[in-house]
């Protein structure tokens, strides 16, 4: 028989071991729950395939956690957890358990980047450079290559017109190529929706839509403007579209913010004051309403339009005489107001 003293000794040892384990567990849990404040707003990028040790080291080096072993301990408490790749933002005091749980849940950081309708490649380049994520030069270089939409528009000179204006979610590691892929993918979705029953020729339609987008912001006028341009093209008339003159100057790196007589005389193929028909490609990135107007232009006799002096909108005319009268009224009103 086992002596009572031995039993007591074993019980005492077991109790001490249990107490030690309990204390160690409590210390571990306290350590995991202890808040750590990153030195500043911190962004961590976790790549696909990185293991716990690599993630723990990155978090420790960035000051997001106190000790690497805290992530190991959190892993022991969550052995089946899958840590998600992506970018994470840390700006508030957080415990190691909270940090681990955020990565387990894939609480990935994104910021929103909005491109207004009618923006051209230069406009988008300025907007994205202002975020500090992608340089204007990188975006302009990447968007100059039309490979992403070659199947839709084999003769497109660039991605202009196919960078759909919308709001996109980006990270600090997003590249110009990433953004162009997102924007052209959104264009494809919108194009499929709008042309489900009438596929059409993408480049010509998008080019016309870009002119409509730049000429009017009045919803009721879009299809009328598209109809005017369609009528002028059918009659072999030059479109005399000011925004194309501006775009030609941009391409030639000579635009100063106003249209000069030399711009109107510019022989660049995009200048519709000198060249009949549509320009070689879009001059901006139209939204869905302008695309729809280009797909379904209004049936009208109008061949001309001029801005209303009091705005918004335009005065449309079917004859040159009526148009010249509208232009004179516009000039008179502007002179009187000025």
Protein backbone atom coordinates (compact mmCIF):
# COMPACT_ATOMS: atom_id res chain seq x y z
CA UNK A 1 0.00 0.00 0.00
CA UNK A 2 1.08 3.50 -0.72
CA UNK A 3 1.91 5.36 2.39
CA UNK A 4 -0.18 8.41 3.24
CA UNK A 5 2.92 10.59 3.24
CA UNK A 6 3.68 9.63 -0.34
CA UNK A 7 0.13 10.39 -1.40
CA UNK A 8 0.31 13.76 0.28
CA UNK A 9 3.63 14.47 -1.40
CA UNK A 10 2.25 13.56 -4.83
CA UNK A 11 -0.84 15.65 -4.24
CA UNK A 12 1.27 18.58 -3.14
CA UNK A 13 3.45 18.23 -6.26
CA UNK A 14 0.43 18.03 -8.54
CA UNK A 15 -1.06 21.07 -6.85
CA UNK A 16 2.15 23.00 -7.30
CA UNK A 17 2.34 22.00 -10.96
CA UNK A 18 -1.28 23.01 -11.47
CA UNK A 19 -0.70 26.31 -9.71
CA UNK A 20 2.40 26.92 -11.80
CA UNK A 21 0.56 26.14 -14.99
CA UNK A 22 -2.32 28.33 -13.87
CA UNK A 23 0.02 31.20 -13.08
CA UNK A 24 1.86 30.73 -16.39
CA UNK A 25 -1.45 30.66 -18.23
CA UNK A 26 -2.62 33.79 -16.46
CA UNK A 27 0.65 35.55 -17.27
CA UNK A 28 0.36 34.45 -20.89
CA UNK A 29 -3.24 35.61 -21.17
CA UNK A 30 -2.35 38.90 -19.49
CA UNK A 31 0.54 39.34 -21.89
CA UNK A 32 -1.70 38.57 -24.86
CA UNK A 33 -4.29 41.03 -23.62
CA UNK A 34 -1.76 43.78 -22.84
CA UNK A 35 -2.27 46.78 -25.12
CA UNK A 36 0.50 47.94 -27.40
CA UNK A 37 0.45 51.36 -29.11
CA UNK A 38 2.24 51.52 -32.49
CA UNK A 39 4.64 54.50 -32.70
CA UNK A 40 2.45 56.00 -35.46
CA UNK A 41 -0.19 54.98 -37.96
CA UNK A 42 1.31 51.74 -39.23
CA UNK A 43 0.55 49.67 -42.33
CA UNK A 44 1.63 46.04 -42.49
CA UNK A 45 1.62 44.00 -45.68
CA UNK A 46 1.26 40.23 -45.25
CA UNK A 47 2.09 38.34 -48.42
CA UNK A 48 0.55 35.03 -49.41
CA UNK A 49 2.39 32.02 -48.00
CA UNK A 50 4.02 33.77 -45.05
CA UNK A 51 4.12 31.70 -41.86
CA UNK A 52 3.44 32.60 -38.24
CA UNK A 53 7.10 33.30 -37.46
CA UNK A 54 7.47 35.74 -40.34
CA UNK A 55 4.22 37.52 -39.46
CA UNK A 56 5.20 37.73 -35.78
CA UNK A 57 8.59 39.21 -36.68
CA UNK A 58 7.01 41.83 -38.95
CA UNK A 59 4.49 42.85 -36.29
CA UNK A 60 7.18 43.10 -33.63
CA UNK A 61 9.54 45.15 -35.82
CA UNK A 62 6.72 47.56 -36.63
CA UNK A 63 5.86 48.02 -32.95
CA UNK A 64 2.39 46.51 -33.30
CA UNK A 65 3.09 43.88 -30.60
CA UNK A 66 5.60 43.75 -27.73
CA UNK A 67 7.03 40.25 -28.30
CA UNK A 68 7.04 37.76 -31.15
CA UNK A 69 6.07 34.92 -28.81
CA UNK A 70 2.72 36.62 -28.22
CA UNK A 71 1.66 35.64 -31.74
CA UNK A 72 2.96 32.09 -31.17
CA UNK A 73 0.86 31.89 -28.02
CA UNK A 74 -2.20 33.25 -29.84
CA UNK A 75 -1.62 30.60 -32.48
CA UNK A 76 -1.58 27.86 -29.79
CA UNK A 77 -4.94 29.13 -28.58
CA UNK A 78 -6.25 29.12 -32.17
CA UNK A 79 -4.49 26.17 -33.82
CA UNK A 80 -6.88 25.98 -36.78
CA UNK A 81 -6.83 29.69 -37.62
CA UNK A 82 -5.76 30.77 -41.12
CA UNK A 83 -3.96 34.10 -41.22
CA UNK A 84 -5.11 36.14 -44.22
CA UNK A 85 -2.80 37.91 -46.66
CA UNK A 86 -3.31 41.61 -47.32
CA UNK A 87 -2.59 45.06 -45.93
CA UNK A 88 -3.52 45.90 -42.33
CA UNK A 89 -3.72 49.27 -40.64
CA UNK A 90 -2.80 49.72 -36.96
CA UNK A 91 -3.39 53.09 -35.36
CA UNK A 92 -5.06 52.34 -32.02
CA UNK A 93 -3.74 50.52 -28.95
CA UNK A 94 -4.36 46.80 -29.51
CA UNK A 95 -3.66 43.55 -27.71
CA UNK A 96 -1.82 40.69 -29.36
CA UNK A 97 -5.06 38.69 -29.29
CA UNK A 98 -6.87 41.51 -31.11
CA UNK A 99 -4.08 41.79 -33.68
CA UNK A 100 -4.10 38.03 -34.26
CA UNK A 101 -7.90 37.97 -34.57
CA UNK A 102 -7.91 40.82 -37.10
CA UNK A 103 -5.44 38.94 -39.31
CA UNK A 104 -7.41 35.73 -38.84
CA UNK A 105 -10.63 37.47 -39.94
CA UNK A 106 -8.93 39.22 -42.86
CA UNK A 107 -9.73 42.73 -41.63
CA UNK A 108 -7.81 44.11 -44.59
CA UNK A 109 -7.31 47.85 -45.00
CA UNK A 110 -8.53 49.63 -48.13
CA UNK A 111 -8.91 53.29 -48.97
CA UNK A 112 -11.40 54.61 -51.50
CA UNK A 113 -10.23 56.31 -54.67
CA UNK A 114 -12.89 58.11 -56.70
CA UNK A 115 -12.57 59.04 -60.36
CA UNK A 116 -15.19 61.58 -61.54
CA UNK A 117 -17.01 61.07 -64.85
CA UNK A 118 -15.26 62.81 -67.72
CA UNK A 119 -11.78 62.56 -66.23
CA UNK A 120 -9.00 61.96 -68.72
CA UNK A 121 -5.74 60.09 -68.08
CA UNK A 122 -3.96 63.26 -66.94
CA UNK A 123 -6.76 64.05 -64.48
CA UNK A 124 -6.61 60.54 -63.02
CA UNK A 125 -2.83 60.71 -62.81
CA UNK A 126 -3.02 63.89 -60.73
CA UNK A 127 -5.68 62.41 -58.45
CA UNK A 128 -3.83 59.17 -57.79
CA UNK A 129 -0.51 60.95 -57.21
CA UNK A 130 -2.22 63.04 -54.52
CA UNK A 131 -2.86 59.84 -52.54
CA UNK A 132 0.88 59.21 -52.32
CA UNK A 133 0.43 55.62 -53.53
CA UNK A 134 1.06 55.79 -57.29
CA UNK A 135 3.00 58.46 -59.17
CA UNK A 136 1.41 60.38 -62.02
CA UNK A 137 4.23 59.30 -64.31
CA UNK A 138 3.66 55.60 -63.56
CA UNK A 139 -0.06 55.88 -64.18
CA UNK A 140 0.35 57.78 -67.46
CA UNK A 141 2.92 55.27 -68.69
CA UNK A 142 0.78 52.26 -67.76
CA UNK A 143 -2.49 53.68 -69.10
CA UNK A 144 -0.81 54.55 -72.41
CA UNK A 145 -0.62 50.83 -73.26
CA UNK A 146 -3.99 49.51 -74.59
CA UNK A 147 -3.29 45.79 -74.14
CA UNK A 148 -5.97 45.37 -71.45
CA UNK A 149 -8.77 46.28 -73.88
CA UNK A 150 -7.24 45.08 -77.15
CA UNK A 151 -9.98 42.47 -77.61
CA UNK A 152 -12.72 45.11 -77.29
CA UNK A 153 -11.00 47.86 -79.23
CA UNK A 154 -8.14 46.56 -81.40
CA UNK A 155 -7.26 50.03 -82.68
CA UNK A 156 -7.47 51.93 -79.39
CA UNK A 157 -4.36 54.11 -78.98
CA UNK A 158 -4.44 53.88 -75.16
CA UNK A 159 -6.72 52.97 -72.26
CA UNK A 160 -8.35 56.41 -72.47
CA UNK A 161 -12.12 55.97 -72.47
CA UNK A 162 -11.94 52.49 -70.95
CA UNK A 163 -10.87 53.57 -67.45
CA UNK A 164 -14.36 53.58 -66.02
CA UNK A 165 -15.08 56.47 -63.62
CA UNK A 166 -16.14 55.04 -60.27
CA UNK A 167 -14.91 54.52 -56.70
CA UNK A 168 -12.22 51.88 -56.22
CA UNK A 169 -10.72 50.24 -53.14
CA UNK A 170 -6.92 50.40 -53.08
CA UNK A 171 -4.13 49.65 -50.65
CA UNK A 172 -0.75 51.29 -50.15
CA UNK A 173 0.82 48.53 -52.21
CA UNK A 174 -1.51 48.99 -55.19
CA UNK A 175 0.29 49.69 -58.46
CA UNK A 176 -0.65 51.59 -61.60
CA UNK A 177 -1.20 48.23 -63.29
CA UNK A 178 -3.54 47.16 -60.47
CA UNK A 179 -5.60 50.34 -60.84
CA UNK A 180 -5.80 50.04 -64.63
CA UNK A 181 -6.97 46.43 -64.31
CA UNK A 182 -9.68 47.43 -61.82
CA UNK A 183 -10.90 50.30 -63.99
CA UNK A 184 -10.96 48.37 -67.27
CA UNK A 185 -12.69 45.43 -65.55
CA UNK A 186 -15.41 47.81 -64.36
CA UNK A 187 -15.70 49.20 -67.88
CA UNK A 188 -16.25 45.67 -69.19
CA UNK A 189 -19.06 45.09 -66.68
CA UNK A 190 -20.76 48.32 -67.63
CA UNK A 191 -20.26 47.69 -71.35
CA UNK A 192 -21.81 44.22 -71.13
CA UNK A 193 -24.78 45.65 -69.25
CA UNK A 194 -25.36 48.46 -71.74
CA UNK A 195 -24.78 46.46 -74.91
CA UNK A 196 -26.40 43.15 -73.99
CA UNK A 197 -28.80 43.45 -76.95
CA UNK A 198 -26.70 45.71 -79.18
CA UNK A 199 -22.95 44.97 -78.97
CA UNK A 200 -21.78 47.68 -81.39
CA UNK A 201 -18.20 48.80 -82.10
CA UNK A 202 -16.55 49.70 -78.84
CA UNK A 203 -13.93 52.25 -79.94
CA UNK A 204 -16.28 54.45 -82.00
CA UNK A 205 -19.02 54.30 -79.40
CA UNK A 206 -16.72 55.09 -76.47
CA UNK A 207 -15.08 57.90 -78.44
CA UNK A 208 -18.49 59.45 -79.17
CA UNK A 209 -19.49 58.97 -75.52
CA UNK A 210 -16.35 60.81 -74.38
CA UNK A 211 -17.27 63.82 -76.53
CA UNK A 212 -20.80 63.79 -75.11
CA UNK A 213 -19.43 63.56 -71.56
CA UNK A 214 -17.18 66.57 -72.06
CA UNK A 215 -19.75 68.70 -73.91
CA UNK A 216 -22.67 68.55 -71.47
CA UNK A 217 -23.39 67.77 -67.86
CA UNK A 218 -27.15 68.08 -68.37
CA UNK A 219 -28.70 64.61 -68.31
CA UNK A 220 -31.55 65.48 -70.69
CA UNK A 221 -29.10 66.75 -73.32
CA UNK A 222 -26.75 63.79 -73.61
CA UNK A 223 -28.67 61.86 -76.26
CA UNK A 224 -29.38 65.08 -78.19
CA UNK A 225 -25.67 65.98 -78.26
CA UNK A 226 -24.89 62.44 -79.41
CA UNK A 227 -27.52 62.86 -82.13
CA UNK A 228 -25.99 66.16 -83.28
CA UNK A 229 -22.55 64.59 -83.59
CA UNK A 230 -24.00 61.56 -85.41
CA UNK A 231 -25.76 63.88 -87.88
CA UNK A 232 -22.60 65.89 -88.52
CA UNK A 233 -20.57 62.71 -89.08
CA UNK A 234 -23.18 61.42 -91.53
CA UNK A 235 -23.02 64.68 -93.50
CA UNK A 236 -19.20 64.72 -93.50
CA UNK A 237 -19.07 67.86 -91.36
CA UNK A 238 -16.29 68.58 -88.89
CA UNK A 239 -17.46 68.18 -85.31
CA UNK A 240 -15.84 71.45 -84.11
CA UNK A 241 -15.71 70.07 -80.57
CA UNK A 242 -13.67 72.27 -78.20
CA UNK A 243 -12.76 69.42 -75.81
CA UNK A 244 -11.02 67.57 -78.67
CA UNK A 245 -8.88 70.64 -79.28
CA UNK A 246 -7.89 70.66 -75.62
CA UNK A 247 -7.07 66.95 -75.74
CA UNK A 248 -4.91 67.45 -78.83
CA UNK A 249 -3.02 70.17 -76.97
CA UNK A 250 -2.57 67.84 -74.00
CA UNK A 251 -1.12 65.16 -76.27
CA UNK A 252 1.27 67.72 -77.69
CA UNK A 253 2.15 68.94 -74.18
CA UNK A 254 1.09 72.48 -75.09
CA UNK A 255 -2.21 73.04 -73.25
CA UNK A 256 -2.09 76.16 -71.04
CA UNK A 257 -5.61 76.11 -69.62
CA UNK A 258 -7.25 78.11 -72.41
CA UNK A 259 -7.83 77.47 -76.12
CA UNK A 260 -5.68 79.64 -78.39
CA UNK A 261 -6.09 80.22 -82.13
CA UNK A 262 -3.02 78.06 -82.65
CA UNK A 263 -4.81 75.22 -80.89
CA UNK A 264 -7.77 75.51 -83.27
CA UNK A 265 -5.34 75.36 -86.20
CA UNK A 266 -3.41 72.43 -84.74
CA UNK A 267 -3.25 69.53 -87.24
CA UNK A 268 -3.23 66.87 -84.51
CA UNK A 269 -5.67 64.09 -85.55
CA UNK A 270 -7.63 64.65 -82.32
CA UNK A 271 -8.48 68.24 -83.24
CA UNK A 272 -11.97 68.07 -84.78
CA UNK A 273 -11.73 71.67 -85.99
CA UNK A 274 -9.22 70.45 -88.56
CA UNK A 275 -10.28 66.82 -89.09
CA UNK A 276 -13.71 65.47 -90.05
CA UNK A 277 -15.32 62.62 -88.17
CA UNK A 278 -14.48 61.24 -84.77
CA UNK A 279 -10.96 61.59 -83.33
CA UNK A 280 -8.75 58.45 -83.31
CA UNK A 281 -9.85 57.56 -79.77
CA UNK A 282 -11.70 58.80 -76.68
CA UNK A 283 -10.73 62.12 -75.13
CA UNK A 284 -11.94 61.23 -71.62
CA UNK A 285 -13.50 58.40 -69.65
CA UNK A 286 -17.30 58.57 -69.93
CA UNK A 287 -19.78 57.34 -67.36
CA UNK A 288 -22.64 54.96 -68.06
CA UNK A 289 -25.12 57.74 -68.97
CA UNK A 290 -22.83 59.13 -71.68
CA UNK A 291 -22.15 55.60 -72.97
CA UNK A 292 -25.87 54.94 -73.17
CA UNK A 293 -26.38 58.21 -75.07
CA UNK A 294 -23.73 57.21 -77.59
CA UNK A 295 -25.31 53.78 -78.01
CA UNK A 296 -28.80 55.28 -78.41
CA UNK A 297 -28.41 58.84 -79.78
CA UNK A 298 -31.54 60.93 -80.24
CA UNK A 299 -33.10 61.06 -83.69
CA UNK A 300 -33.03 64.78 -84.41
CA UNK A 301 -32.50 67.31 -87.20
CA UNK A 302 -30.11 69.37 -85.07
CA UNK A 303 -26.64 70.02 -86.46
CA UNK A 304 -25.42 72.74 -84.09
CA UNK A 305 -25.45 73.71 -80.44
CA UNK A 306 -24.08 76.52 -78.33
CA UNK A 307 -24.06 77.08 -74.58
CA UNK A 308 -26.87 79.09 -73.05
CA UNK A 309 -25.57 82.36 -71.67
CA UNK A 310 -27.34 81.86 -68.37
CA UNK A 311 -26.68 78.12 -68.34
CA UNK A 312 -26.90 75.32 -67.75
CA UNK A 313 -27.46 73.60 -71.07
CA UNK A 314 -27.33 74.50 -74.72
CA UNK A 315 -29.39 75.98 -77.54
CA UNK A 316 -29.76 73.47 -80.39
CA UNK A 317 -30.27 74.46 -84.03
CA UNK A 318 -30.98 72.64 -87.28
CA UNK A 319 -29.65 75.36 -89.59
CA UNK A 320 -26.51 77.45 -89.65
CA UNK A 321 -28.56 80.65 -89.72
CA UNK A 322 -30.40 79.68 -86.54
CA UNK A 323 -27.12 78.65 -84.94
CA UNK A 324 -25.43 81.94 -85.78
CA UNK A 325 -28.36 83.76 -84.26
CA UNK A 326 -28.03 81.67 -81.08
CA UNK A 327 -24.29 82.35 -80.98
CA UNK A 328 -24.87 86.09 -81.32
CA UNK A 329 -27.43 85.98 -78.50
CA UNK A 330 -24.91 84.11 -76.35
CA UNK A 331 -22.14 86.65 -77.05
CA UNK A 332 -24.47 89.58 -76.41
CA UNK A 333 -25.61 88.12 -73.07
CA UNK A 334 -22.00 87.41 -72.03
CA UNK A 335 -20.91 90.92 -73.00
CA UNK A 336 -23.81 92.45 -71.09
CA UNK A 337 -23.06 90.33 -68.03
CA UNK A 338 -19.34 91.12 -68.18
